[in-house]
Amino acid sequence: MDSVEKGSNNVYDDLGLPDPGEMHVKATLAAKIGEIILERQLSQVQASEILGMPQPKLSCLLRGQFRGISEAKMLECLNRLGRDVEIVIHKPSRTRAPGLTRVVFA
């Protein structure tokens, strides 16, 4: 029987990919953008017009190909979809370096 290794909460880190923290944040933001587009029953063409992004680029984002899209652009997309975005910076509950970046939806 093969052994099973427990992973972290970040598949990008588990796979040893570059910039795992950034990729995890982008994946979370992309998933939320896709969720809102579905919730609003928008076509990709309609959504791309709202987001100010070419439809092929939106299609890539929704399929998890977002390396060329900045976190700032993704936050702007959420704003354009009618969501408020709040960035909170705080001290961690315990000492560690470096700090963590995560996305929390209310």
PDB file of N, CA and C in Angstrom:
ATOM      1  N   MET A   1       0.840  -1.168   0.000  1.00  0.00           N
ATOM      2  CA  MET A   1       0.000   0.000   0.000  1.00  0.00           C
ATOM      3  C   MET A   1       0.893   1.241   0.000  1.00  0.00           C
ATOM      4  N   ASP A   2       0.514   2.231  -0.811  1.00  0.00           N
ATOM      5  CA  ASP A   2       1.253   3.494  -0.856  1.00  0.00           C
ATOM      6  C   ASP A   2       0.958   4.300   0.406  1.00  0.00           C
ATOM      7  N   SER A   3       1.966   5.015   0.869  1.00  0.00           N
ATOM      8  CA  SER A   3       1.740   5.863   2.039  1.00  0.00           C
ATOM      9  C   SER A   3       1.069   7.159   1.590  1.00  0.00           C
ATOM     10  N   VAL A   4       0.309   7.728   2.500  1.00  0.00           N
ATOM     11  CA  VAL A   4      -0.393   8.977   2.221  1.00  0.00           C
ATOM     12  C   VAL A   4       0.263  10.062   3.041  1.00  0.00           C
ATOM     13  N   GLU A   5       0.574  11.151   2.369  1.00  0.00           N
ATOM     14  CA  GLU A   5       1.210  12.270   3.040  1.00  0.00           C
ATOM     15  C   GLU A   5       0.206  13.397   3.177  1.00  0.00           C
ATOM     16  N   LYS A   6       0.046  13.897   4.391  1.00  0.00           N
ATOM     17  CA  LYS A   6      -0.876  15.002   4.623  1.00  0.00           C
ATOM     18  C   LYS A   6      -0.273  16.276   4.047  1.00  0.00           C
ATOM     19  N   GLY A   7      -1.065  16.986   3.261  1.00  0.00           N
ATOM     20  CA  GLY A   7      -0.599  18.222   2.653  1.00  0.00           C
ATOM     21  C   GLY A   7      -0.906  19.425   3.523  1.00  0.00           C
ATOM     22  N   SER A   8      -0.442  20.550   3.073  1.00  0.00           N
ATOM     23  CA  SER A   8      -0.739  21.812   3.757  1.00  0.00           C
ATOM     24  C   SER A   8      -2.071  22.327   3.219  1.00  0.00           C
ATOM     25  N   ASN A   9      -2.380  23.555   3.531  1.00  0.00           N
ATOM     26  CA  ASN A   9      -3.578  24.185   2.982  1.00  0.00           C
ATOM     27  C   ASN A   9      -3.294  24.854   1.649  1.00  0.00           C
ATOM     28  N   ASN A  10      -2.081  24.674   1.112  1.00  0.00           N
ATOM     29  CA  ASN A  10      -1.690  25.337  -0.126  1.00  0.00           C
ATOM     30  C   ASN A  10      -1.109  24.309  -1.096  1.00  0.00           C
ATOM     31  N   VAL A  11      -1.902  23.927  -2.074  1.00  0.00           N
ATOM     32  CA  VAL A  11      -1.478  22.918  -3.049  1.00  0.00           C
ATOM     33  C   VAL A  11      -0.258  23.378  -3.838  1.00  0.00           C
ATOM     34  N   TYR A  12      -0.139  24.686  -4.081  1.00  0.00           N
ATOM     35  CA  TYR A  12       1.006  25.208  -4.823  1.00  0.00           C
ATOM     36  C   TYR A  12       2.303  24.979  -4.047  1.00  0.00           C
ATOM     37  N   ASP A  13       2.225  25.134  -2.726  1.00  0.00           N
ATOM     38  CA  ASP A  13       3.375  24.873  -1.862  1.00  0.00           C
ATOM     39  C   ASP A  13       3.690  23.378  -1.838  1.00  0.00           C
ATOM     40  N   ASP A  14       2.644  22.563  -1.724  1.00  0.00           N
ATOM     41  CA  ASP A  14       2.823  21.112  -1.690  1.00  0.00           C
ATOM     42  C   ASP A  14       3.494  20.594  -2.961  1.00  0.00           C
ATOM     43  N   LEU A  15       3.185  21.230  -4.089  1.00  0.00           N
ATOM     44  CA  LEU A  15       3.755  20.807  -5.373  1.00  0.00           C
ATOM     45  C   LEU A  15       5.121  21.430  -5.641  1.00  0.00           C
ATOM     46  N   GLY A  16       5.564  22.311  -4.755  1.00  0.00           N
ATOM     47  CA  GLY A  16       6.877  22.941  -4.918  1.00  0.00           C
ATOM     48  C   GLY A  16       6.918  23.974  -6.026  1.00  0.00           C
ATOM     49  N   LEU A  17       5.775  24.568  -6.342  1.00  0.00           N
ATOM     50  CA  LEU A  17       5.723  25.565  -7.410  1.00  0.00           C
ATOM     51  C   LEU A  17       6.221  26.921  -6.902  1.00  0.00           C
ATOM     52  N   PRO A  18       6.703  27.775  -7.818  1.00  0.00           N
ATOM     53  CA  PRO A  18       7.189  29.092  -7.397  1.00  0.00           C
ATOM     54  C   PRO A  18       6.044  29.984  -6.915  1.00  0.00           C
ATOM     55  N   ASP A  19       6.337  30.850  -5.969  1.00  0.00           N
ATOM     56  CA  ASP A  19       5.379  31.818  -5.426  1.00  0.00           C
ATOM     57  C   ASP A  19       4.080  31.170  -4.946  1.00  0.00           C
ATOM     58  N   PRO A  20       4.163  30.155  -4.091  1.00  0.00           N
ATOM     59  CA  PRO A  20       2.960  29.436  -3.681  1.00  0.00           C
ATOM     60  C   PRO A  20       1.943  30.300  -2.932  1.00  0.00           C
ATOM     61  N   GLY A  21       2.397  31.231  -2.111  1.00  0.00           N
ATOM     62  CA  GLY A  21       1.468  32.089  -1.380  1.00  0.00           C
ATOM     63  C   GLY A  21       0.663  32.965  -2.316  1.00  0.00           C
ATOM     64  N   GLU A  22       1.358  33.591  -3.262  1.00  0.00           N
ATOM     65  CA  GLU A  22       0.695  34.456  -4.241  1.00  0.00           C
ATOM     66  C   GLU A  22      -0.272  33.651  -5.100  1.00  0.00           C
ATOM     67  N   MET A  23       0.133  32.484  -5.513  1.00  0.00           N
ATOM     68  CA  MET A  23      -0.732  31.659  -6.359  1.00  0.00           C
ATOM     69  C   MET A  23      -1.987  31.214  -5.601  1.00  0.00           C
ATOM     70  N   HIS A  24      -1.846  30.901  -4.326  1.00  0.00           N
ATOM     71  CA  HIS A  24      -3.002  30.493  -3.524  1.00  0.00           C
ATOM     72  C   HIS A  24      -3.988  31.649  -3.381  1.00  0.00           C
ATOM     73  N   VAL A  25      -3.477  32.845  -3.125  1.00  0.00           N
ATOM     74  CA  VAL A  25      -4.341  34.022  -3.026  1.00  0.00           C
ATOM     75  C   VAL A  25      -5.051  34.260  -4.357  1.00  0.00           C
ATOM     76  N   LYS A  26      -4.313  34.198  -5.455  1.00  0.00           N
ATOM     77  CA  LYS A  26      -4.915  34.415  -6.774  1.00  0.00           C
ATOM     78  C   LYS A  26      -5.971  33.360  -7.083  1.00  0.00           C
ATOM     79  N   ALA A  27      -5.708  32.116  -6.721  1.00  0.00           N
ATOM     80  CA  ALA A  27      -6.678  31.050  -6.967  1.00  0.00           C
ATOM     81  C   ALA A  27      -7.962  31.305  -6.183  1.00  0.00           C
ATOM     82  N   THR A  28      -7.819  31.770  -4.956  1.00  0.00           N
ATOM     83  CA  THR A  28      -8.988  32.076  -4.130  1.00  0.00           C
ATOM     84  C   THR A  28      -9.777  33.232  -4.728  1.00  0.00           C
ATOM     85  N   LEU A  29      -9.073  34.283  -5.161  1.00  0.00           N
ATOM     86  CA  LEU A  29      -9.746  35.432  -5.782  1.00  0.00           C
ATOM     87  C   LEU A  29     -10.430  35.031  -7.088  1.00  0.00           C
ATOM     88  N   ALA A  30      -9.750  34.239  -7.907  1.00  0.00           N
ATOM     89  CA  ALA A  30     -10.331  33.794  -9.179  1.00  0.00           C
ATOM     90  C   ALA A  30     -11.585  32.964  -8.943  1.00  0.00           C
ATOM     91  N   ALA A  31     -11.554  32.101  -7.942  1.00  0.00           N
ATOM     92  CA  ALA A  31     -12.728  31.276  -7.624  1.00  0.00           C
ATOM     93  C   ALA A  31     -13.906  32.162  -7.214  1.00  0.00           C
ATOM     94  N   LYS A  32     -13.640  33.194  -6.427  1.00  0.00           N
ATOM     95  CA  LYS A  32     -14.716  34.095  -6.001  1.00  0.00           C
ATOM     96  C   LYS A  32     -15.258  34.883  -7.185  1.00  0.00           C
ATOM     97  N   ILE A  33     -14.385  35.344  -8.071  1.00  0.00           N
ATOM     98  CA  ILE A  33     -14.836  36.061  -9.272  1.00  0.00           C
ATOM     99  C   ILE A  33     -15.750  35.147 -10.092  1.00  0.00           C
ATOM    100  N   GLY A  34     -15.324  33.908 -10.284  1.00  0.00           N
ATOM    101  CA  GLY A  34     -16.147  32.954 -11.031  1.00  0.00           C
ATOM    102  C   GLY A  34     -17.480  32.695 -10.363  1.00  0.00           C
ATOM    103  N   GLU A  35     -17.470  32.596  -9.045  1.00  0.00           N
ATOM    104  CA  GLU A  35     -18.701  32.362  -8.279  1.00  0.00           C
ATOM    105  C   GLU A  35     -19.690  33.518  -8.468  1.00  0.00           C
ATOM    106  N   ILE A  36     -19.185  34.748  -8.417  1.00  0.00           N
ATOM    107  CA  ILE A  36     -20.046  35.922  -8.581  1.00  0.00           C
ATOM    108  C   ILE A  36     -20.605  35.980 -10.000  1.00  0.00           C
ATOM    109  N   ILE A  37     -19.780  35.673 -10.987  1.00  0.00           N
ATOM    110  CA  ILE A  37     -20.242  35.669 -12.384  1.00  0.00           C
ATOM    111  C   ILE A  37     -21.371  34.652 -12.558  1.00  0.00           C
ATOM    112  N   LEU A  38     -21.211  33.461 -11.980  1.00  0.00           N
ATOM    113  CA  LEU A  38     -22.269  32.444 -12.051  1.00  0.00           C
ATOM    114  C   LEU A  38     -23.520  32.894 -11.301  1.00  0.00           C
ATOM    115  N   GLU A  39     -23.316  33.460 -10.120  1.00  0.00           N
ATOM    116  CA  GLU A  39     -24.425  33.930  -9.288  1.00  0.00           C
ATOM    117  C   GLU A  39     -25.253  34.982 -10.029  1.00  0.00           C
ATOM    118  N   ARG A  40     -24.561  35.847 -10.745  1.00  0.00           N
ATOM    119  CA  ARG A  40     -25.248  36.908 -11.494  1.00  0.00           C
ATOM    120  C   ARG A  40     -25.704  36.449 -12.874  1.00  0.00           C
ATOM    121  N   GLN A  41     -25.424  35.193 -13.203  1.00  0.00           N
ATOM    122  CA  GLN A  41     -25.807  34.581 -14.483  1.00  0.00           C
ATOM    123  C   GLN A  41     -25.311  35.401 -15.674  1.00  0.00           C
ATOM    124  N   LEU A  42     -24.039  35.819 -15.577  1.00  0.00           N
ATOM    125  CA  LEU A  42     -23.425  36.582 -16.653  1.00  0.00           C
ATOM    126  C   LEU A  42     -22.704  35.652 -17.610  1.00  0.00           C
ATOM    127  N   SER A  43     -22.763  35.963 -18.900  1.00  0.00           N
ATOM    128  CA  SER A  43     -21.925  35.249 -19.859  1.00  0.00           C
ATOM    129  C   SER A  43     -20.508  35.789 -19.704  1.00  0.00           C
ATOM    130  N   GLN A  44     -19.536  35.070 -20.249  1.00  0.00           N
ATOM    131  CA  GLN A  44     -18.161  35.579 -20.182  1.00  0.00           C
ATOM    132  C   GLN A  44     -18.023  36.893 -20.931  1.00  0.00           C
ATOM    133  N   VAL A  45     -18.769  37.062 -22.002  1.00  0.00           N
ATOM    134  CA  VAL A  45     -18.711  38.316 -22.765  1.00  0.00           C
ATOM    135  C   VAL A  45     -19.256  39.464 -21.905  1.00  0.00           C
ATOM    136  N   GLN A  46     -20.399  39.234 -21.254  1.00  0.00           N
ATOM    137  CA  GLN A  46     -20.963  40.266 -20.386  1.00  0.00           C
ATOM    138  C   GLN A  46     -20.007  40.587 -19.233  1.00  0.00           C
ATOM    139  N   ALA A  47     -19.480  39.548 -18.608  1.00  0.00           N
ATOM    140  CA  ALA A  47     -18.569  39.737 -17.481  1.00  0.00           C
ATOM    141  C   ALA A  47     -17.306  40.460 -17.922  1.00  0.00           C
ATOM    142  N   SER A  48     -16.765  40.120 -19.090  1.00  0.00           N
ATOM    143  CA  SER A  48     -15.533  40.766 -19.549  1.00  0.00           C
ATOM    144  C   SER A  48     -15.754  42.257 -19.786  1.00  0.00           C
ATOM    145  N   GLU A  49     -16.944  42.635 -20.237  1.00  0.00           N
ATOM    146  CA  GLU A  49     -17.263  44.052 -20.417  1.00  0.00           C
ATOM    147  C   GLU A  49     -17.308  44.767 -19.072  1.00  0.00           C
ATOM    148  N   ILE A  50     -17.936  44.145 -18.077  1.00  0.00           N
ATOM    149  CA  ILE A  50     -18.008  44.729 -16.737  1.00  0.00           C
ATOM    150  C   ILE A  50     -16.611  44.856 -16.130  1.00  0.00           C
ATOM    151  N   LEU A  51     -15.783  43.837 -16.339  1.00  0.00           N
ATOM    152  CA  LEU A  51     -14.464  43.791 -15.726  1.00  0.00           C
ATOM    153  C   LEU A  51     -13.413  44.586 -16.478  1.00  0.00           C
ATOM    154  N   GLY A  52     -13.729  44.999 -17.703  1.00  0.00           N
ATOM    155  CA  GLY A  52     -12.753  45.745 -18.491  1.00  0.00           C
ATOM    156  C   GLY A  52     -11.567  44.892 -18.886  1.00  0.00           C
ATOM    157  N   MET A  53     -11.859  43.650 -19.241  1.00  0.00           N
ATOM    158  CA  MET A  53     -10.800  42.697 -19.588  1.00  0.00           C
ATOM    159  C   MET A  53     -11.265  41.909 -20.815  1.00  0.00           C
ATOM    160  N   PRO A  54     -10.368  41.601 -21.732  1.00  0.00           N
ATOM    161  CA  PRO A  54     -10.768  40.811 -22.902  1.00  0.00           C
ATOM    162  C   PRO A  54     -11.326  39.448 -22.465  1.00  0.00           C
ATOM    163  N   GLN A  55     -12.339  38.984 -23.188  1.00  0.00           N
ATOM    164  CA  GLN A  55     -12.980  37.714 -22.839  1.00  0.00           C
ATOM    165  C   GLN A  55     -12.000  36.546 -22.789  1.00  0.00           C
ATOM    166  N   PRO A  56     -11.044  36.426 -23.728  1.00  0.00           N
ATOM    167  CA  PRO A  56     -10.100  35.311 -23.629  1.00  0.00           C
ATOM    168  C   PRO A  56      -9.265  35.343 -22.343  1.00  0.00           C
ATOM    169  N   LYS A  57      -8.915  36.545 -21.899  1.00  0.00           N
ATOM    170  CA  LYS A  57      -8.141  36.667 -20.660  1.00  0.00           C
ATOM    171  C   LYS A  57      -8.999  36.265 -19.456  1.00  0.00           C
ATOM    172  N   LEU A  58     -10.286  36.644 -19.466  1.00  0.00           N
ATOM    173  CA  LEU A  58     -11.213  36.234 -18.408  1.00  0.00           C
ATOM    174  C   LEU A  58     -11.360  34.721 -18.404  1.00  0.00           C
ATOM    175  N   SER A  59     -11.468  34.143 -19.583  1.00  0.00           N
ATOM    176  CA  SER A  59     -11.583  32.689 -19.693  1.00  0.00           C
ATOM    177  C   SER A  59     -10.370  32.001 -19.056  1.00  0.00           C
ATOM    178  N   CYS A  60      -9.195  32.520 -19.329  1.00  0.00           N
ATOM    179  CA  CYS A  60      -7.974  31.960 -18.726  1.00  0.00           C
ATOM    180  C   CYS A  60      -8.022  32.080 -17.204  1.00  0.00           C
ATOM    181  N   LEU A  61      -8.406  33.250 -16.712  1.00  0.00           N
ATOM    182  CA  LEU A  61      -8.488  33.474 -15.272  1.00  0.00           C
ATOM    183  C   LEU A  61      -9.421  32.450 -14.630  1.00  0.00           C
ATOM    184  N   LEU A  62     -10.582  32.235 -15.236  1.00  0.00           N
ATOM    185  CA  LEU A  62     -11.579  31.320 -14.674  1.00  0.00           C
ATOM    186  C   LEU A  62     -11.138  29.860 -14.754  1.00  0.00           C
ATOM    187  N   ARG A  63     -10.168  29.569 -15.617  1.00  0.00           N
ATOM    188  CA  ARG A  63      -9.625  28.203 -15.718  1.00  0.00           C
ATOM    189  C   ARG A  63      -8.347  28.030 -14.900  1.00  0.00           C
ATOM    190  N   GLY A  64      -8.018  29.043 -14.096  1.00  0.00           N
ATOM    191  CA  GLY A  64      -6.856  28.927 -13.221  1.00  0.00           C
ATOM    192  C   GLY A  64      -5.540  29.316 -13.854  1.00  0.00           C
ATOM    193  N   GLN A  65      -5.591  29.947 -15.011  1.00  0.00           N
ATOM    194  CA  GLN A  65      -4.373  30.415 -15.679  1.00  0.00           C
ATOM    195  C   GLN A  65      -4.282  31.929 -15.474  1.00  0.00           C
ATOM    196  N   PHE A  66      -3.768  32.310 -14.300  1.00  0.00           N
ATOM    197  CA  PHE A  66      -3.793  33.716 -13.935  1.00  0.00           C
ATOM    198  C   PHE A  66      -2.425  34.285 -13.637  1.00  0.00           C
ATOM    199  N   ARG A  67      -1.358  33.649 -14.103  1.00  0.00           N
ATOM    200  CA  ARG A  67      -0.005  34.156 -13.830  1.00  0.00           C
ATOM    201  C   ARG A  67       0.211  35.570 -14.365  1.00  0.00           C
ATOM    202  N   GLY A  68      -0.418  35.944 -15.454  1.00  0.00           N
ATOM    203  CA  GLY A  68      -0.226  37.285 -16.024  1.00  0.00           C
ATOM    204  C   GLY A  68      -1.204  38.317 -15.504  1.00  0.00           C
ATOM    205  N   ILE A  69      -1.998  37.966 -14.497  1.00  0.00           N
ATOM    206  CA  ILE A  69      -3.001  38.877 -13.949  1.00  0.00           C
ATOM    207  C   ILE A  69      -2.605  39.200 -12.503  1.00  0.00           C
ATOM    208  N   SER A  70      -2.486  40.464 -12.201  1.00  0.00           N
ATOM    209  CA  SER A  70      -2.040  40.865 -10.858  1.00  0.00           C
ATOM    210  C   SER A  70      -3.166  40.700  -9.837  1.00  0.00           C
ATOM    211  N   GLU A  71      -2.748  40.583  -8.587  1.00  0.00           N
ATOM    212  CA  GLU A  71      -3.728  40.540  -7.496  1.00  0.00           C
ATOM    213  C   GLU A  71      -4.532  41.838  -7.481  1.00  0.00           C
ATOM    214  N   ALA A  72      -3.874  42.965  -7.772  1.00  0.00           N
ATOM    215  CA  ALA A  72      -4.567  44.262  -7.799  1.00  0.00           C
ATOM    216  C   ALA A  72      -5.679  44.249  -8.845  1.00  0.00           C
ATOM    217  N   LYS A  73      -5.418  43.681 -10.019  1.00  0.00           N
ATOM    218  CA  LYS A  73      -6.441  43.598 -11.071  1.00  0.00           C
ATOM    219  C   LYS A  73      -7.589  42.712 -10.622  1.00  0.00           C
ATOM    220  N   MET A  74      -7.283  41.629  -9.915  1.00  0.00           N
ATOM    221  CA  MET A  74      -8.341  40.742  -9.441  1.00  0.00           C
ATOM    222  C   MET A  74      -9.202  41.434  -8.377  1.00  0.00           C
ATOM    223  N   LEU A  75      -8.572  42.233  -7.527  1.00  0.00           N
ATOM    224  CA  LEU A  75      -9.340  42.995  -6.535  1.00  0.00           C
ATOM    225  C   LEU A  75     -10.215  44.030  -7.227  1.00  0.00           C
ATOM    226  N   GLU A  76      -9.685  44.652  -8.277  1.00  0.00           N
ATOM    227  CA  GLU A  76     -10.476  45.594  -9.070  1.00  0.00           C
ATOM    228  C   GLU A  76     -11.673  44.884  -9.700  1.00  0.00           C
ATOM    229  N   CYS A  77     -11.477  43.673 -10.179  1.00  0.00           N
ATOM    230  CA  CYS A  77     -12.579  42.894 -10.757  1.00  0.00           C
ATOM    231  C   CYS A  77     -13.682  42.680  -9.725  1.00  0.00           C
ATOM    232  N   LEU A  78     -13.292  42.354  -8.498  1.00  0.00           N
ATOM    233  CA  LEU A  78     -14.288  42.167  -7.441  1.00  0.00           C
ATOM    234  C   LEU A  78     -15.051  43.462  -7.183  1.00  0.00           C
ATOM    235  N   ASN A  79     -14.356  44.598  -7.196  1.00  0.00           N
ATOM    236  CA  ASN A  79     -15.028  45.893  -7.046  1.00  0.00           C
ATOM    237  C   ASN A  79     -16.016  46.123  -8.176  1.00  0.00           C
ATOM    238  N   ARG A  80     -15.585  45.828  -9.395  1.00  0.00           N
ATOM    239  CA  ARG A  80     -16.455  46.038 -10.554  1.00  0.00           C
ATOM    240  C   ARG A  80     -17.672  45.114 -10.531  1.00  0.00           C
ATOM    241  N   LEU A  81     -17.541  43.993  -9.819  1.00  0.00           N
ATOM    242  CA  LEU A  81     -18.665  43.068  -9.660  1.00  0.00           C
ATOM    243  C   LEU A  81     -19.522  43.420  -8.438  1.00  0.00           C
ATOM    244  N   GLY A  82     -19.248  44.600  -7.859  1.00  0.00           N
ATOM    245  CA  GLY A  82     -20.079  45.097  -6.770  1.00  0.00           C
ATOM    246  C   GLY A  82     -19.673  44.654  -5.378  1.00  0.00           C
ATOM    247  N   ARG A  83     -18.463  44.168  -5.226  1.00  0.00           N
ATOM    248  CA  ARG A  83     -17.997  43.721  -3.918  1.00  0.00           C
ATOM    249  C   ARG A  83     -17.046  44.745  -3.317  1.00  0.00           C
ATOM    250  N   ASP A  84     -17.191  44.966  -2.028  1.00  0.00           N
ATOM    251  CA  ASP A  84     -16.233  45.787  -1.292  1.00  0.00           C
ATOM    252  C   ASP A  84     -15.046  44.908  -0.951  1.00  0.00           C
ATOM    253  N   VAL A  85     -13.866  45.467  -1.031  1.00  0.00           N
ATOM    254  CA  VAL A  85     -12.639  44.750  -0.682  1.00  0.00           C
ATOM    255  C   VAL A  85     -11.965  45.520   0.441  1.00  0.00           C
ATOM    256  N   GLU A  86     -11.650  44.826   1.503  1.00  0.00           N
ATOM    257  CA  GLU A  86     -11.012  45.436   2.658  1.00  0.00           C
ATOM    258  C   GLU A  86      -9.713  44.694   2.923  1.00  0.00           C
ATOM    259  N   ILE A  87      -8.625  45.426   3.044  1.00  0.00           N
ATOM    260  CA  ILE A  87      -7.328  44.820   3.334  1.00  0.00           C
ATOM    261  C   ILE A  87      -6.972  45.158   4.778  1.00  0.00           C
ATOM    262  N   VAL A  88      -6.728  44.133   5.580  1.00  0.00           N
ATOM    263  CA  VAL A  88      -6.426  44.313   6.990  1.00  0.00           C
ATOM    264  C   VAL A  88      -5.035  43.741   7.254  1.00  0.00           C
ATOM    265  N   ILE A  89      -4.205  44.528   7.904  1.00  0.00           N
ATOM    266  CA  ILE A  89      -2.854  44.082   8.251  1.00  0.00           C
ATOM    267  C   ILE A  89      -2.767  44.054   9.773  1.00  0.00           C
ATOM    268  N   HIS A  90      -2.370  42.905  10.311  1.00  0.00           N
ATOM    269  CA  HIS A  90      -2.280  42.796  11.762  1.00  0.00           C
ATOM    270  C   HIS A  90      -1.082  41.944  12.166  1.00  0.00           C
ATOM    271  N   LYS A  91      -0.737  42.044  13.436  1.00  0.00           N
ATOM    272  CA  LYS A  91       0.356  41.238  13.971  1.00  0.00           C
ATOM    273  C   LYS A  91      -0.133  39.807  14.121  1.00  0.00           C
ATOM    274  N   PRO A  92       0.723  38.839  13.833  1.00  0.00           N
ATOM    275  CA  PRO A  92       0.310  37.440  14.017  1.00  0.00           C
ATOM    276  C   PRO A  92       0.170  37.106  15.505  1.00  0.00           C
ATOM    277  N   SER A  93      -0.611  36.078  15.789  1.00  0.00           N
ATOM    278  CA  SER A  93      -0.821  35.685  17.178  1.00  0.00           C
ATOM    279  C   SER A  93       0.443  35.077  17.788  1.00  0.00           C
ATOM    280  N   ARG A  94       1.329  34.568  16.944  1.00  0.00           N
ATOM    281  CA  ARG A  94       2.615  34.056  17.426  1.00  0.00           C
ATOM    282  C   ARG A  94       3.710  34.515  16.468  1.00  0.00           C
ATOM    283  N   THR A  95       4.905  34.499  16.939  1.00  0.00           N
ATOM    284  CA  THR A  95       6.023  34.991  16.142  1.00  0.00           C
ATOM    285  C   THR A  95       6.359  34.004  15.036  1.00  0.00           C
ATOM    286  N   ARG A  96       6.435  34.506  13.830  1.00  0.00           N
ATOM    287  CA  ARG A  96       6.889  33.716  12.689  1.00  0.00           C
ATOM    288  C   ARG A  96       7.335  34.693  11.608  1.00  0.00           C
ATOM    289  N   ALA A  97       8.232  34.239  10.795  1.00  0.00           N
ATOM    290  CA  ALA A  97       8.699  35.073   9.681  1.00  0.00           C
ATOM    291  C   ALA A  97       8.771  34.179   8.474  1.00  0.00           C
ATOM    292  N   PRO A  98       8.350  34.550   7.355  1.00  0.00           N
ATOM    293  CA  PRO A  98       7.626  35.777   7.074  1.00  0.00           C
ATOM    294  C   PRO A  98       6.143  35.656   7.461  1.00  0.00           C
ATOM    295  N   GLY A  99       5.409  36.740   7.311  1.00  0.00           N
ATOM    296  CA  GLY A  99       3.978  36.727   7.599  1.00  0.00           C
ATOM    297  C   GLY A  99       3.215  35.979   6.524  1.00  0.00           C
ATOM    298  N   LEU A 100       1.928  35.808   6.730  1.00  0.00           N
ATOM    299  CA  LEU A 100       1.068  35.093   5.794  1.00  0.00           C
ATOM    300  C   LEU A 100       0.107  36.056   5.115  1.00  0.00           C
ATOM    301  N   THR A 101      -0.276  35.727   3.898  1.00  0.00           N
ATOM    302  CA  THR A 101      -1.323  36.469   3.190  1.00  0.00           C
ATOM    303  C   THR A 101      -2.446  35.482   2.933  1.00  0.00           C
ATOM    304  N   ARG A 102      -3.656  35.873   3.284  1.00  0.00           N
ATOM    305  CA  ARG A 102      -4.807  35.004   3.031  1.00  0.00           C
ATOM    306  C   ARG A 102      -5.995  35.853   2.663  1.00  0.00           C
ATOM    307  N   VAL A 103      -6.966  35.220   2.062  1.00  0.00           N
ATOM    308  CA  VAL A 103      -8.187  35.902   1.635  1.00  0.00           C
ATOM    309  C   VAL A 103      -9.332  35.336   2.452  1.00  0.00           C
ATOM    310  N   VAL A 104     -10.116  36.224   3.047  1.00  0.00           N
ATOM    311  CA  VAL A 104     -11.269  35.816   3.845  1.00  0.00           C
ATOM    312  C   VAL A 104     -12.483  36.518   3.270  1.00  0.00           C
ATOM    313  N   PHE A 105     -13.545  35.772   3.010  1.00  0.00           N
ATOM    314  CA  PHE A 105     -14.772  36.370   2.482  1.00  0.00           C
ATOM    315  C   PHE A 105     -15.816  36.433   3.582  1.00  0.00           C
ATOM    316  N   ALA A 106     -16.454  37.604   3.693  1.00  0.00           N
ATOM    317  CA  ALA A 106     -17.477  37.787   4.731  1.00  0.00           C
ATOM    318  C   ALA A 106     -18.851  37.515   4.150  1.00  0.00           C
TER     319      ALA A 106
END
